Amino acid sequence: MIKKIFGYTIFTLLLLGVAAWSPWESWDLSFFTLLGIEEQTEYAGLEVYSLKDEFDVYIDGISVGSVSPEFGSLSVPQIEPGSHIVTLRSDKENFFEFTRPIDFHRGLSVVVAYELGPSKVFSQGHVFYALGETVDEGGMATLTINTAQSDVSVLLDGAELGQSPINELELDLSKNYTIVLKKEGYEELEFNILPETQEERDQLSGLDLFIDASLFLIPFDIE
């Protein structure tokens, strides 16, 4: 079984400072939340997507809303820079609760896309974030991919890069890319990264991009 997540991950820096990501091509979503320029440079942002079912989102134990696949993303545009605990919690009894500390940086947003299941191994998703400051680096950025499972095969536009972790891959920002993560016994995870327009991609020049992902364990049939 192949699990696909289609969409775009966009880090809009300095002028917009808010990332937006859509897991389904059919969604007609605005990619940007427009704020005052001065405010944008002072705060970080968070975009959360559910890949299946509704769940609640908490930052440092405080509820900031809920999200489901039917209603797009939950956007939290004004987060104080620094380390915060992000929690995703389903109302289904005994379901896996995603909790992790995330470092938020001024002018950058973090994207979290997840499916919560009855346990950690039956959940999946990824966190996409950026570090650094935009500089003129000739239209290049670096990409690091980490996975909860060891030795996950990583493909970039169909070309196999090797097995995770993939460290500081030089990424040409002249195009968009499709990433596929796969491992025997797990569902494949597929998603697109980078904005559609060159102007937006140029704003990522010089940044270090990171993907932290976890795959869904395929249950065994017991006869």
Protein backbone atom coordinates (compact mmCIF):
# COMPACT_ATOMS: atom_id res chain seq x y z
CA MET A 1 0.00 0.00 0.00
CA ILE A 2 1.30 3.43 -0.90
CA LYS A 3 0.50 6.43 1.25
CA LYS A 4 0.81 9.65 -0.72
CA ILE A 5 0.82 13.18 0.56
CA PHE A 6 0.63 15.73 -2.22
CA GLY A 7 1.33 19.36 -1.62
CA TYR A 8 3.82 22.09 -1.20
CA THR A 9 5.90 23.21 1.75
CA ILE A 10 6.65 26.89 1.60
CA PHE A 11 8.82 28.94 3.89
CA THR A 12 8.14 32.62 3.21
CA LEU A 13 10.76 34.68 4.92
CA LEU A 14 11.25 38.29 5.92
CA LEU A 15 8.21 39.70 4.11
CA LEU A 16 5.66 37.03 4.97
CA GLY A 17 7.29 34.82 7.57
CA VAL A 18 4.52 32.19 7.47
CA ALA A 19 4.67 28.74 5.84
CA ALA A 20 1.66 26.92 4.45
CA TRP A 21 1.42 23.37 3.20
CA SER A 22 -1.41 21.46 1.55
CA PRO A 23 -1.48 17.66 1.72
CA TRP A 24 -4.03 17.26 -1.07
CA GLU A 25 -3.74 18.69 -4.59
CA SER A 26 -7.48 19.30 -4.76
CA TRP A 27 -7.53 21.72 -1.85
CA ASP A 28 -7.91 25.33 -2.89
CA LEU A 29 -5.98 27.00 -0.08
CA SER A 30 -4.19 30.30 0.18
CA PHE A 31 -0.51 29.60 0.82
CA PHE A 32 0.08 32.76 2.82
CA THR A 33 -1.31 34.38 5.93
CA LEU A 34 -0.65 38.09 5.53
CA LEU A 35 0.45 39.93 8.64
CA GLY A 36 2.07 43.29 9.28
CA ILE A 37 5.71 43.18 8.21
CA GLU A 38 7.05 44.27 11.59
CA GLU A 39 5.04 41.58 13.39
CA GLN A 40 6.17 38.88 10.97
CA THR A 41 9.83 39.44 11.69
CA GLU A 42 9.24 39.18 15.44
CA TYR A 43 7.38 35.86 15.52
CA ALA A 44 7.55 32.31 14.28
CA GLY A 45 4.63 30.29 12.90
CA LEU A 46 3.13 26.81 12.92
CA GLU A 47 0.99 25.04 10.30
CA VAL A 48 -0.60 21.73 11.28
CA TYR A 49 -2.35 19.25 8.98
CA SER A 50 -4.17 16.04 9.78
CA LEU A 51 -3.70 13.21 7.30
CA LYS A 52 -6.62 11.31 8.82
CA ASP A 53 -9.32 12.15 11.37
CA GLU A 54 -9.57 15.14 13.64
CA PHE A 55 -7.16 15.89 16.47
CA ASP A 56 -6.43 18.74 18.88
CA VAL A 57 -3.24 20.80 18.89
CA TYR A 58 -1.47 22.13 21.98
CA ILE A 59 1.54 24.37 22.44
CA ASP A 60 3.16 24.14 25.87
CA GLY A 61 0.01 22.43 27.13
CA ILE A 62 -2.32 25.18 25.95
CA SER A 63 -4.96 24.32 23.33
CA VAL A 64 -4.61 26.32 20.11
CA GLY A 65 -7.38 24.56 18.15
CA SER A 66 -8.18 21.40 16.23
CA VAL A 67 -7.60 20.25 12.66
CA SER A 68 -9.07 17.65 10.30
CA PRO A 69 -8.48 16.72 6.64
CA GLU A 70 -11.87 18.16 5.64
CA PHE A 71 -11.15 21.69 6.86
CA GLY A 72 -7.57 22.33 5.77
CA SER A 73 -4.86 23.40 8.17
CA LEU A 74 -4.60 24.96 11.57
CA SER A 75 -2.43 28.07 11.39
CA VAL A 76 -0.77 29.57 14.47
CA PRO A 77 1.05 32.65 13.10
CA GLN A 78 2.37 34.37 16.22
CA ILE A 79 4.63 32.13 18.28
CA GLU A 80 7.40 33.55 20.42
CA PRO A 81 10.79 32.31 19.15
CA GLY A 82 12.37 29.61 21.29
CA SER A 83 11.66 26.02 22.27
CA HIS A 84 8.01 24.98 22.69
CA ILE A 85 6.33 21.62 23.24
CA VAL A 86 3.91 20.76 20.41
CA THR A 87 1.31 18.09 21.14
CA LEU A 88 -1.21 16.44 18.81
CA ARG A 89 -3.97 14.58 20.68
CA SER A 90 -6.86 12.52 19.34
CA ASP A 91 -10.14 12.22 21.22
CA LYS A 92 -10.09 8.49 20.48
CA GLU A 93 -9.27 6.53 23.61
CA ASN A 94 -5.71 5.19 23.88
CA PHE A 95 -4.59 6.64 20.56
CA PHE A 96 -0.96 7.72 20.11
CA GLU A 97 -0.19 11.23 21.31
CA PHE A 98 2.45 13.07 19.30
CA THR A 99 4.58 15.25 21.59
CA ARG A 100 7.93 16.82 20.85
CA PRO A 101 9.91 19.95 21.62
CA ILE A 102 10.35 22.16 18.57
CA ASP A 103 12.68 25.13 18.22
CA PHE A 104 10.88 28.06 16.62
CA HIS A 105 12.91 30.73 14.88
CA ARG A 106 11.94 34.31 14.13
CA GLY A 107 10.51 34.76 10.63
CA LEU A 108 10.21 31.01 9.95
CA SER A 109 7.34 28.54 10.25
CA VAL A 110 7.23 24.86 11.09
CA VAL A 111 4.94 22.47 9.21
CA VAL A 112 3.56 19.35 10.92
CA ALA A 113 1.51 16.80 8.95
CA TYR A 114 0.43 13.69 10.84
CA GLU A 115 -1.93 10.74 11.14
CA LEU A 116 -2.50 9.57 14.71
CA GLY A 117 -3.17 5.86 15.14
CA PRO A 118 -3.73 3.44 18.03
CA SER A 119 0.02 3.37 18.75
CA LYS A 120 3.23 5.06 17.65
CA VAL A 121 4.07 2.36 15.10
CA PHE A 122 0.62 2.74 13.53
CA SER A 123 0.98 6.51 13.15
CA GLN A 124 2.82 8.45 10.46
CA GLY A 125 3.72 11.88 9.27
CA HIS A 126 6.49 14.43 9.12
CA VAL A 127 7.77 17.70 10.51
CA PHE A 128 9.32 20.17 8.06
CA TYR A 129 11.32 23.16 9.27
CA ALA A 130 14.14 25.50 8.30
CA LEU A 131 17.09 27.05 10.10
CA GLY A 132 19.39 29.90 9.25
CA GLU A 133 18.90 33.19 7.46
CA THR A 134 18.24 33.81 3.78
CA VAL A 135 21.40 34.82 1.97
CA ASP A 136 22.50 34.87 -1.64
CA GLU A 137 23.83 31.36 -2.05
CA GLY A 138 23.34 31.02 -5.78
CA GLY A 139 19.88 29.49 -5.50
CA MET A 140 20.96 26.60 -3.26
CA ALA A 141 19.82 25.22 0.10
CA THR A 142 20.67 22.10 2.07
CA LEU A 143 18.23 19.33 2.98
CA THR A 144 18.59 16.85 5.85
CA ILE A 145 16.14 13.93 6.19
CA ASN A 146 15.79 11.93 9.39
CA THR A 147 13.38 9.04 9.96
CA ALA A 148 12.16 7.33 13.12
CA GLN A 149 12.79 3.97 11.45
CA SER A 150 16.35 3.06 10.51
CA ASP A 151 17.54 2.45 6.96
CA VAL A 152 14.56 4.00 5.16
CA SER A 153 15.14 4.35 1.41
CA VAL A 154 14.92 7.96 0.26
CA LEU A 155 14.05 8.89 -3.31
CA LEU A 156 14.21 12.38 -4.75
CA ASP A 157 12.26 12.73 -8.02
CA GLY A 158 12.59 8.96 -8.50
CA ALA A 159 16.35 8.85 -7.96
CA GLU A 160 17.44 6.90 -4.90
CA LEU A 161 19.64 8.97 -2.60
CA GLY A 162 20.41 6.13 -0.20
CA GLN A 163 19.06 5.24 3.20
CA SER A 164 18.20 7.58 6.02
CA PRO A 165 19.59 9.66 7.49
CA ILE A 166 20.39 11.88 4.52
CA ASN A 167 22.65 14.71 5.67
CA GLU A 168 23.03 18.16 4.13
CA LEU A 169 22.03 17.31 0.57
CA GLU A 170 22.63 20.32 -1.66
CA LEU A 171 19.30 21.28 -3.16
CA ASP A 172 19.00 23.32 -6.34
CA LEU A 173 16.10 25.73 -5.85
CA SER A 174 15.33 26.06 -9.55
CA LYS A 175 12.51 23.48 -9.32
CA ASN A 176 10.12 21.61 -7.04
CA TYR A 177 10.84 18.07 -5.82
CA THR A 178 8.96 14.91 -4.86
CA ILE A 179 10.28 12.87 -1.96
CA VAL A 180 9.39 9.21 -1.37
CA LEU A 181 10.29 7.36 1.83
CA LYS A 182 9.95 3.59 1.81
CA LYS A 183 10.91 0.58 3.88
CA GLU A 184 9.78 -3.03 3.67
CA GLY A 185 6.84 -3.66 5.96
CA TYR A 186 5.82 0.02 6.08
CA GLU A 187 3.57 2.22 3.97
CA GLU A 188 5.39 4.48 1.57
CA LEU A 189 5.22 8.19 2.31
CA GLU A 190 5.30 10.60 -0.62
CA PHE A 191 5.15 14.39 -0.60
CA ASN A 192 6.32 17.43 -2.51
CA ILE A 193 8.58 20.14 -1.17
CA LEU A 194 9.40 23.73 -2.15
CA PRO A 195 7.10 26.40 -3.60
CA GLU A 196 5.79 26.40 -7.15
CA THR A 197 7.20 29.77 -8.20
CA GLN A 198 10.86 30.65 -8.60
CA GLU A 199 10.39 33.89 -6.69
CA GLU A 200 9.21 31.97 -3.63
CA ARG A 201 11.94 29.35 -3.95
CA ASP A 202 14.60 32.06 -4.10
CA GLN A 203 13.60 33.10 -0.57
CA LEU A 204 14.95 29.74 0.67
CA SER A 205 18.44 30.42 -0.66
CA GLY A 206 21.08 29.68 1.95
CA LEU A 207 18.71 27.98 4.41
CA ASP A 208 19.13 24.56 6.00
CA LEU A 209 15.91 22.55 5.47
CA PHE A 210 15.00 19.56 7.64
CA ILE A 211 12.45 16.74 7.41
CA ASP A 212 11.79 14.46 10.41
CA ALA A 213 9.48 11.63 9.33
CA SER A 214 7.91 8.45 10.69
CA LEU A 215 6.35 5.63 8.63
CA PHE A 216 3.22 3.57 9.27
CA LEU A 217 3.79 -0.11 10.09
CA ILE A 218 1.66 -2.37 7.87
CA PRO A 219 -0.32 -4.75 10.13
CA PHE A 220 0.11 -8.47 9.60
CA ASP A 221 -2.92 -10.56 8.75
CA ILE A 222 -3.43 -13.37 11.25
CA GLU A 223 -5.19 -16.39 9.75
